[in-house]
C-alpha cells in the first residue's frame, strides 16, 4: 500500500465522520488531529483519522478535563449564590441609598 492511498482529504474525512471540513481543519491547526497541508488542501492519514474517531467516540476521562468542569461548576455556583445574596439584601433593605454590601448601594 502506498502513502498516497493512506492519505485522505478533509472532504473525504468529512463524509466519513459527519464533521464539517472546517471543523476538521480547526482540529488540525489546534494539534488535536494529525494532518498536513498540501498546497491549499488539508490531508490526514486514514489510520490517524480512524484512531481520532475511536478516541472521540470513547474519550478517556482525563483528570484535567474533570477539574476544568468542576472548577467551572463551582464558579457558576458561586456567582449564582452571590447574586441571590445581593438580591435578598436589596429586598430586605428597600430604603433608598442604604448600604447593602461593600461599595454596593441600593438606589430607587
N, C-alpha and C. Protein backbone atom coordinates (compact mmCIF):
# COMPACT_ATOMS: atom_id res chain seq x y z
N UNK A 1 0.86 -1.18 0.00
CA UNK A 1 0.00 0.00 0.00
C UNK A 1 0.90 1.23 0.00
N UNK A 2 0.65 2.16 -0.88
CA UNK A 2 1.46 3.36 -0.95
C UNK A 2 0.91 4.43 -0.02
N UNK A 3 1.75 5.42 0.25
CA UNK A 3 1.34 6.51 1.15
C UNK A 3 0.16 7.26 0.58
N UNK A 4 0.12 7.45 -0.73
CA UNK A 4 -0.97 8.22 -1.33
C UNK A 4 -2.32 7.54 -1.11
N UNK A 5 -2.33 6.20 -0.95
CA UNK A 5 -3.58 5.50 -0.68
C UNK A 5 -4.03 5.71 0.77
N UNK A 6 -3.09 6.01 1.65
CA UNK A 6 -3.44 6.21 3.04
C UNK A 6 -3.89 7.63 3.34
N UNK A 7 -3.53 8.58 2.51
CA UNK A 7 -3.92 9.96 2.73
C UNK A 7 -5.34 10.20 2.22
N UNK A 8 -6.11 10.91 3.01
CA UNK A 8 -7.46 11.29 2.56
C UNK A 8 -7.62 12.79 2.77
N UNK A 9 -8.40 13.39 1.93
CA UNK A 9 -8.66 14.83 2.05
C UNK A 9 -9.66 15.06 3.17
N UNK A 10 -9.76 16.30 3.61
CA UNK A 10 -10.74 16.62 4.65
C UNK A 10 -12.17 16.47 4.13
N UNK A 11 -12.34 16.64 2.83
CA UNK A 11 -13.67 16.43 2.26
C UNK A 11 -14.09 14.96 2.44
N UNK A 12 -13.15 14.05 2.15
CA UNK A 12 -13.45 12.62 2.35
C UNK A 12 -13.62 12.30 3.83
N UNK A 13 -12.77 12.87 4.65
CA UNK A 13 -12.87 12.65 6.09
C UNK A 13 -14.20 13.18 6.63
N UNK A 14 -14.64 14.29 6.08
CA UNK A 14 -15.91 14.87 6.47
C UNK A 14 -17.07 13.93 6.14
N UNK A 15 -17.01 13.34 4.96
CA UNK A 15 -18.06 12.39 4.56
C UNK A 15 -18.06 11.15 5.45
N UNK A 16 -16.87 10.70 5.84
CA UNK A 16 -16.77 9.50 6.69
C UNK A 16 -17.27 9.75 8.11
N UNK A 17 -17.00 10.96 8.61
CA UNK A 17 -17.27 11.21 10.03
C UNK A 17 -18.54 12.01 10.30
N UNK A 18 -18.96 12.82 9.35
CA UNK A 18 -20.09 13.71 9.61
C UNK A 18 -19.67 15.06 10.15
N UNK A 19 -18.38 15.23 10.48
CA UNK A 19 -17.87 16.52 10.91
C UNK A 19 -17.64 17.41 9.69
N UNK A 20 -17.86 18.69 9.85
CA UNK A 20 -17.63 19.63 8.76
C UNK A 20 -16.13 19.75 8.52
N UNK A 21 -15.74 19.93 7.27
CA UNK A 21 -14.32 20.01 6.94
C UNK A 21 -13.64 21.22 7.60
N UNK A 22 -14.38 22.31 7.81
CA UNK A 22 -13.80 23.47 8.51
C UNK A 22 -13.46 23.11 9.95
N UNK A 23 -14.32 22.33 10.59
CA UNK A 23 -14.06 21.89 11.96
C UNK A 23 -12.84 20.98 12.00
N UNK A 24 -12.72 20.09 11.03
CA UNK A 24 -11.58 19.19 10.98
C UNK A 24 -10.28 19.97 10.76
N UNK A 25 -10.31 20.99 9.91
CA UNK A 25 -9.10 21.79 9.71
C UNK A 25 -8.76 22.58 10.98
N UNK A 26 -9.76 23.01 11.72
CA UNK A 26 -9.53 23.66 13.00
C UNK A 26 -8.84 22.70 13.97
N UNK A 27 -9.30 21.44 13.99
CA UNK A 27 -8.68 20.44 14.87
C UNK A 27 -7.22 20.20 14.50
N UNK A 28 -6.93 20.21 13.22
CA UNK A 28 -5.54 20.03 12.78
C UNK A 28 -4.70 21.23 13.22
N UNK A 29 -5.20 22.44 13.01
CA UNK A 29 -4.45 23.64 13.38
C UNK A 29 -4.24 23.74 14.89
N UNK A 30 -5.17 23.17 15.67
CA UNK A 30 -5.03 23.22 17.12
C UNK A 30 -4.36 21.96 17.68
N UNK A 31 -3.76 21.16 16.78
CA UNK A 31 -2.99 19.96 17.16
C UNK A 31 -3.81 18.89 17.89
N UNK A 32 -5.10 18.83 17.62
CA UNK A 32 -5.92 17.77 18.19
C UNK A 32 -6.13 16.63 17.21
N UNK A 33 -5.77 16.87 15.97
CA UNK A 33 -5.84 15.87 14.91
C UNK A 33 -4.59 16.03 14.07
N UNK A 34 -3.95 14.91 13.76
CA UNK A 34 -2.75 14.97 12.93
C UNK A 34 -3.14 15.15 11.48
N UNK A 35 -2.53 16.10 10.83
CA UNK A 35 -2.81 16.35 9.43
C UNK A 35 -1.75 17.25 8.84
N UNK A 36 -1.79 17.36 7.52
CA UNK A 36 -0.79 18.16 6.81
C UNK A 36 -1.49 18.98 5.73
N UNK A 37 -0.86 20.07 5.40
CA UNK A 37 -1.38 20.90 4.32
C UNK A 37 -0.56 20.63 3.07
N UNK A 38 -1.26 20.30 2.00
CA UNK A 38 -0.62 20.06 0.71
C UNK A 38 -1.19 21.10 -0.24
N UNK A 39 -0.40 22.13 -0.51
CA UNK A 39 -0.92 23.24 -1.31
C UNK A 39 -1.99 23.97 -0.52
N UNK A 40 -3.19 23.99 -1.07
CA UNK A 40 -4.31 24.64 -0.39
C UNK A 40 -5.24 23.64 0.29
N UNK A 41 -4.86 22.36 0.26
CA UNK A 41 -5.74 21.31 0.76
C UNK A 41 -5.14 20.63 1.99
N UNK A 42 -5.97 20.38 2.99
CA UNK A 42 -5.55 19.64 4.16
C UNK A 42 -5.78 18.15 3.90
N UNK A 43 -4.83 17.33 4.37
CA UNK A 43 -4.98 15.87 4.26
C UNK A 43 -4.63 15.24 5.60
N UNK A 44 -5.20 14.08 5.85
CA UNK A 44 -4.90 13.31 7.05
C UNK A 44 -4.62 11.87 6.65
N UNK A 45 -3.84 11.19 7.45
CA UNK A 45 -3.67 9.75 7.24
C UNK A 45 -4.93 9.06 7.72
N UNK A 46 -5.40 8.13 6.92
CA UNK A 46 -6.65 7.46 7.23
C UNK A 46 -6.57 6.74 8.58
N UNK A 47 -5.43 6.11 8.86
CA UNK A 47 -5.29 5.39 10.14
C UNK A 47 -5.33 6.37 11.32
N UNK A 48 -4.67 7.53 11.19
CA UNK A 48 -4.73 8.54 12.25
C UNK A 48 -6.14 9.06 12.45
N UNK A 49 -6.85 9.24 11.33
CA UNK A 49 -8.21 9.76 11.42
C UNK A 49 -9.14 8.73 12.08
N UNK A 50 -8.96 7.46 11.74
CA UNK A 50 -9.77 6.41 12.37
C UNK A 50 -9.49 6.33 13.87
N UNK A 51 -8.22 6.47 14.25
CA UNK A 51 -7.88 6.49 15.69
C UNK A 51 -8.51 7.70 16.38
N UNK A 52 -8.50 8.84 15.71
CA UNK A 52 -9.12 10.03 16.27
C UNK A 52 -10.61 9.80 16.50
N UNK A 53 -11.28 9.19 15.52
CA UNK A 53 -12.71 8.94 15.67
C UNK A 53 -12.99 7.96 16.80
N UNK A 54 -12.16 6.95 16.95
CA UNK A 54 -12.35 5.99 18.06
C UNK A 54 -12.21 6.70 19.40
N UNK A 55 -11.19 7.53 19.52
CA UNK A 55 -10.99 8.25 20.78
C UNK A 55 -12.07 9.29 21.02
N UNK A 56 -12.60 9.86 19.94
CA UNK A 56 -13.66 10.86 20.07
C UNK A 56 -14.95 10.20 20.55
N UNK A 57 -15.21 8.98 20.07
CA UNK A 57 -16.42 8.27 20.47
C UNK A 57 -16.31 7.75 21.90
N UNK A 58 -15.11 7.32 22.30
CA UNK A 58 -14.87 6.80 23.64
C UNK A 58 -13.77 7.61 24.31
N UNK A 59 -14.06 8.84 24.68
CA UNK A 59 -12.99 9.67 25.24
C UNK A 59 -12.54 9.14 26.59
N UNK A 60 -11.24 9.14 26.79
CA UNK A 60 -10.71 8.75 28.09
C UNK A 60 -10.93 9.90 29.04
N UNK A 61 -11.31 9.57 30.25
CA UNK A 61 -11.57 10.63 31.21
C UNK A 61 -10.24 11.14 31.73
N UNK A 62 -9.90 12.32 31.31
CA UNK A 62 -8.64 12.91 31.77
C UNK A 62 -8.91 13.72 33.03
N UNK A 63 -8.00 13.64 34.00
CA UNK A 63 -8.20 14.41 35.23
C UNK A 63 -8.30 15.91 34.98
N UNK A 64 -7.51 16.43 34.04
CA UNK A 64 -7.54 17.87 33.81
C UNK A 64 -8.91 18.32 33.31
N UNK A 65 -9.53 17.51 32.42
CA UNK A 65 -10.86 17.84 31.92
C UNK A 65 -11.87 17.82 33.06
N UNK A 66 -11.75 16.84 33.95
CA UNK A 66 -12.65 16.74 35.10
C UNK A 66 -12.53 17.97 35.98
N UNK A 67 -11.29 18.38 36.28
CA UNK A 67 -11.10 19.53 37.16
C UNK A 67 -11.52 20.83 36.49
N UNK A 68 -11.37 20.92 35.18
CA UNK A 68 -11.84 22.12 34.48
C UNK A 68 -13.35 22.24 34.60
N UNK A 69 -14.06 21.13 34.40
CA UNK A 69 -15.52 21.16 34.52
C UNK A 69 -15.94 21.43 35.95
N UNK A 70 -15.23 20.83 36.91
CA UNK A 70 -15.55 21.04 38.31
C UNK A 70 -15.35 22.49 38.71
N UNK A 71 -14.22 23.08 38.31
CA UNK A 71 -13.97 24.48 38.67
C UNK A 71 -14.98 25.41 38.01
N UNK A 72 -15.39 25.10 36.78
CA UNK A 72 -16.41 25.91 36.11
C UNK A 72 -17.74 25.82 36.86
N UNK A 73 -18.09 24.61 37.32
CA UNK A 73 -19.33 24.43 38.06
C UNK A 73 -19.29 25.16 39.39
N UNK A 74 -18.16 25.09 40.08
CA UNK A 74 -18.02 25.79 41.36
C UNK A 74 -18.12 27.30 41.16
N UNK A 75 -17.46 27.82 40.12
CA UNK A 75 -17.51 29.25 39.85
C UNK A 75 -18.93 29.70 39.53
N UNK A 76 -19.63 28.92 38.71
CA UNK A 76 -21.02 29.25 38.35
C UNK A 76 -21.90 29.25 39.59
N UNK A 77 -21.72 28.25 40.46
CA UNK A 77 -22.50 28.17 41.70
C UNK A 77 -22.22 29.39 42.57
N UNK A 78 -20.94 29.77 42.66
CA UNK A 78 -20.58 30.94 43.44
C UNK A 78 -21.26 32.20 42.91
N UNK A 79 -21.25 32.38 41.59
CA UNK A 79 -21.87 33.57 41.01
C UNK A 79 -23.37 33.62 41.30
N UNK A 80 -24.02 32.48 41.15
CA UNK A 80 -25.46 32.44 41.42
C UNK A 80 -25.72 32.76 42.88
N UNK A 81 -24.95 32.16 43.79
CA UNK A 81 -25.14 32.43 45.21
C UNK A 81 -24.89 33.90 45.54
N UNK A 82 -23.89 34.49 44.91
CA UNK A 82 -23.58 35.90 45.15
C UNK A 82 -24.74 36.79 44.72
N UNK A 83 -25.27 36.55 43.52
CA UNK A 83 -26.38 37.38 43.04
C UNK A 83 -27.65 37.16 43.84
N UNK A 84 -27.88 35.95 44.30
CA UNK A 84 -29.03 35.70 45.17
C UNK A 84 -28.85 36.46 46.48
N UNK A 85 -27.65 36.40 47.05
CA UNK A 85 -27.37 37.11 48.29
C UNK A 85 -27.62 38.61 48.13
N UNK A 86 -27.09 39.22 47.08
CA UNK A 86 -27.27 40.65 46.85
C UNK A 86 -28.75 40.99 46.66
N UNK A 87 -29.46 40.15 45.91
CA UNK A 87 -30.89 40.40 45.69
C UNK A 87 -31.66 40.34 47.00
N UNK A 88 -31.37 39.35 47.83
CA UNK A 88 -32.04 39.24 49.13
C UNK A 88 -31.72 40.44 50.00
N UNK A 89 -30.47 40.89 50.00
CA UNK A 89 -30.10 42.05 50.80
C UNK A 89 -30.83 43.30 50.32
N UNK A 90 -30.97 43.46 49.04
CA UNK A 90 -31.68 44.62 48.50
C UNK A 90 -33.15 44.55 48.87
N UNK A 91 -33.75 43.36 48.78
CA UNK A 91 -35.16 43.23 49.15
C UNK A 91 -35.39 43.43 50.64
N UNK A 92 -34.43 43.06 51.47
CA UNK A 92 -34.54 43.27 52.92
C UNK A 92 -34.43 44.75 53.27
N UNK A 93 -33.64 45.49 52.53
CA UNK A 93 -33.36 46.90 52.83
C UNK A 93 -33.79 47.78 51.66
N UNK A 94 -35.08 48.00 51.48
CA UNK A 94 -35.55 48.74 50.31
C UNK A 94 -35.36 50.25 50.40
N UNK A 95 -34.83 50.78 51.52
CA UNK A 95 -34.67 52.23 51.61
C UNK A 95 -33.61 52.70 50.63
N UNK A 96 -33.91 53.80 50.01
CA UNK A 96 -33.02 54.35 49.01
C UNK A 96 -31.69 54.76 49.63
N UNK A 97 -30.60 54.35 48.98
CA UNK A 97 -29.29 54.74 49.44
C UNK A 97 -28.75 53.92 50.59
N UNK A 98 -29.47 52.92 51.04
CA UNK A 98 -29.00 52.08 52.14
C UNK A 98 -27.85 51.21 51.67
N UNK A 99 -26.79 51.15 52.47
CA UNK A 99 -25.64 50.34 52.10
C UNK A 99 -25.99 48.87 52.23
N UNK A 100 -25.82 48.10 51.15
CA UNK A 100 -26.18 46.70 51.13
C UNK A 100 -24.95 45.84 51.39
N UNK A 101 -23.89 46.10 50.70
CA UNK A 101 -22.64 45.37 50.86
C UNK A 101 -21.51 46.35 50.59
N UNK A 102 -20.30 45.90 50.67
CA UNK A 102 -19.16 46.79 50.42
C UNK A 102 -19.31 47.47 49.07
N UNK A 103 -19.36 48.78 49.08
CA UNK A 103 -19.41 49.61 47.86
C UNK A 103 -20.62 49.34 46.99
N UNK A 104 -21.67 48.71 47.51
CA UNK A 104 -22.89 48.50 46.73
C UNK A 104 -24.04 49.16 47.48
N UNK A 105 -24.73 50.06 46.81
CA UNK A 105 -25.87 50.73 47.46
C UNK A 105 -27.11 50.51 46.61
N UNK A 106 -28.20 50.54 47.26
CA UNK A 106 -29.48 50.38 46.58
C UNK A 106 -30.03 51.76 46.27
N UNK A 107 -30.42 51.99 45.04
CA UNK A 107 -31.00 53.27 44.62
C UNK A 107 -32.38 53.02 44.05
N UNK A 108 -33.36 53.83 44.46
CA UNK A 108 -34.70 53.69 43.89
C UNK A 108 -34.76 54.34 42.55
